[in-house]
Amino acid sequence: MLRGPHLGVEGGVYHVMARGVERRAIFRDDTDRQNFLRPLEAVADEGDVTLFAYVLMDNHFHVVARPGG
């Protein structure tokens, strides 16, 4: 279910989650997981996002992050 836009909170920490359609797998193997993590790690390394935690399951993921450095 899609939710409406949220107001940004300066310094706010966000929980981002997405699940595959009909709960189908979105990650088939570790290569898929690495391909997902590579750009996430790149924005964290550049200071665009502070990454606190993540978990990658077969059919969904969770990321806890704060925009900005």
C-alpha atoms as a PDB file:
ATOM      1  CA  MET A   1       0.000   0.000   0.000  1.00  0.00           C
ATOM      2  CA  LEU A   2       1.396   3.372  -0.974  1.00  0.00           C
ATOM      3  CA  ARG A   3       1.357   6.151   1.550  1.00  0.00           C
ATOM      4  CA  GLY A   4       1.095   9.864   0.889  1.00  0.00           C
ATOM      5  CA  PRO A   5       4.076  12.209   1.055  1.00  0.00           C
ATOM      6  CA  HIS A   6       5.503  12.989   4.468  1.00  0.00           C
ATOM      7  CA  LEU A   7       6.873  16.279   5.663  1.00  0.00           C
ATOM      8  CA  GLY A   8      10.621  16.238   6.013  1.00  0.00           C
ATOM      9  CA  VAL A   9      11.947  16.809   9.513  1.00  0.00           C
ATOM     10  CA  GLU A  10      15.366  18.438   9.707  1.00  0.00           C
ATOM     11  CA  GLY A  11      17.736  15.930  11.294  1.00  0.00           C
ATOM     12  CA  GLY A  12      15.003  13.286  11.220  1.00  0.00           C
ATOM     13  CA  VAL A  13      15.793   9.580  11.099  1.00  0.00           C
ATOM     14  CA  TYR A  14      13.720   7.602   8.615  1.00  0.00           C
ATOM     15  CA  HIS A  15      12.721   3.960   8.344  1.00  0.00           C
ATOM     16  CA  VAL A  16      12.436   3.027   4.662  1.00  0.00           C
ATOM     17  CA  MET A  17      10.870  -0.294   3.692  1.00  0.00           C
ATOM     18  CA  ALA A  18       9.823  -1.890   0.420  1.00  0.00           C
ATOM     19  CA  ARG A  19       8.415  -5.310  -0.348  1.00  0.00           C
ATOM     20  CA  GLY A  20       8.169  -7.253  -3.611  1.00  0.00           C
ATOM     21  CA  VAL A  21       4.831  -7.306  -5.419  1.00  0.00           C
ATOM     22  CA  GLU A  22       2.668 -10.097  -3.974  1.00  0.00           C
ATOM     23  CA  ARG A  23       5.537 -10.643  -1.508  1.00  0.00           C
ATOM     24  CA  ARG A  24       7.658 -12.186  -4.243  1.00  0.00           C
ATOM     25  CA  ALA A  25      11.444 -12.208  -3.961  1.00  0.00           C
ATOM     26  CA  ILE A  26      13.298  -9.038  -4.896  1.00  0.00           C
ATOM     27  CA  PHE A  27      16.738 -10.469  -4.094  1.00  0.00           C
ATOM     28  CA  ARG A  28      17.577 -13.809  -5.687  1.00  0.00           C
ATOM     29  CA  ASP A  29      21.134 -14.152  -4.421  1.00  0.00           C
ATOM     30  CA  ASP A  30      24.073 -12.355  -2.834  1.00  0.00           C
ATOM     31  CA  THR A  31      24.926 -10.690  -6.154  1.00  0.00           C
ATOM     32  CA  ASP A  32      21.506  -9.005  -6.145  1.00  0.00           C
ATOM     33  CA  ARG A  33      22.098  -7.880  -2.559  1.00  0.00           C
ATOM     34  CA  GLN A  34      25.535  -6.444  -3.419  1.00  0.00           C
ATOM     35  CA  ASN A  35      24.061  -4.598  -6.413  1.00  0.00           C
ATOM     36  CA  PHE A  36      21.479  -3.040  -4.071  1.00  0.00           C
ATOM     37  CA  LEU A  37      24.036  -2.101  -1.417  1.00  0.00           C
ATOM     38  CA  ARG A  38      26.660  -0.585  -3.733  1.00  0.00           C
ATOM     39  CA  PRO A  39      24.806   2.703  -4.454  1.00  0.00           C
ATOM     40  CA  LEU A  40      23.509   2.869  -0.864  1.00  0.00           C
ATOM     41  CA  GLU A  41      27.065   2.657   0.451  1.00  0.00           C
ATOM     42  CA  ALA A  42      28.211   5.223  -2.133  1.00  0.00           C
ATOM     43  CA  VAL A  43      25.760   7.901  -0.937  1.00  0.00           C
ATOM     44  CA  ALA A  44      26.676   7.108   2.673  1.00  0.00           C
ATOM     45  CA  ASP A  45      30.397   7.443   1.879  1.00  0.00           C
ATOM     46  CA  GLU A  46      29.784  10.782   0.142  1.00  0.00           C
ATOM     47  CA  GLY A  47      28.013  12.094   3.242  1.00  0.00           C
ATOM     48  CA  ASP A  48      24.614  12.479   1.571  1.00  0.00           C
ATOM     49  CA  VAL A  49      23.049   9.973   3.995  1.00  0.00           C
ATOM     50  CA  THR A  50      23.916   8.696   7.460  1.00  0.00           C
ATOM     51  CA  LEU A  51      23.139   4.988   7.385  1.00  0.00           C
ATOM     52  CA  PHE A  52      22.301   3.498  10.789  1.00  0.00           C
ATOM     53  CA  ALA A  53      21.056   0.019   9.904  1.00  0.00           C
ATOM     54  CA  TYR A  54      19.724  -2.112   7.093  1.00  0.00           C
ATOM     55  CA  VAL A  55      18.423  -5.616   6.553  1.00  0.00           C
ATOM     56  CA  LEU A  56      17.886  -7.317   3.213  1.00  0.00           C
ATOM     57  CA  MET A  57      15.407 -10.188   3.215  1.00  0.00           C
ATOM     58  CA  ASP A  58      14.448 -12.260   0.168  1.00  0.00           C
ATOM     59  CA  ASN A  59      11.219 -10.361  -0.454  1.00  0.00           C
ATOM     60  CA  HIS A  60      11.779  -6.993   1.275  1.00  0.00           C
ATOM     61  CA  PHE A  61      14.283  -4.627   2.833  1.00  0.00           C
ATOM     62  CA  HIS A  62      14.481  -2.125   5.679  1.00  0.00           C
ATOM     63  CA  VAL A  63      16.843   0.864   5.878  1.00  0.00           C
ATOM     64  CA  VAL A  64      17.206   3.265   8.808  1.00  0.00           C
ATOM     65  CA  ALA A  65      18.909   6.475   7.724  1.00  0.00           C
ATOM     66  CA  ARG A  66      19.138  10.234   8.125  1.00  0.00           C
ATOM     67  CA  PRO A  67      19.488  12.505   5.082  1.00  0.00           C
ATOM     68  CA  GLY A  68      22.685  14.530   5.106  1.00  0.00           C
ATOM     69  CA  GLY A  69      25.940  13.867   6.895  1.00  0.00           C
END
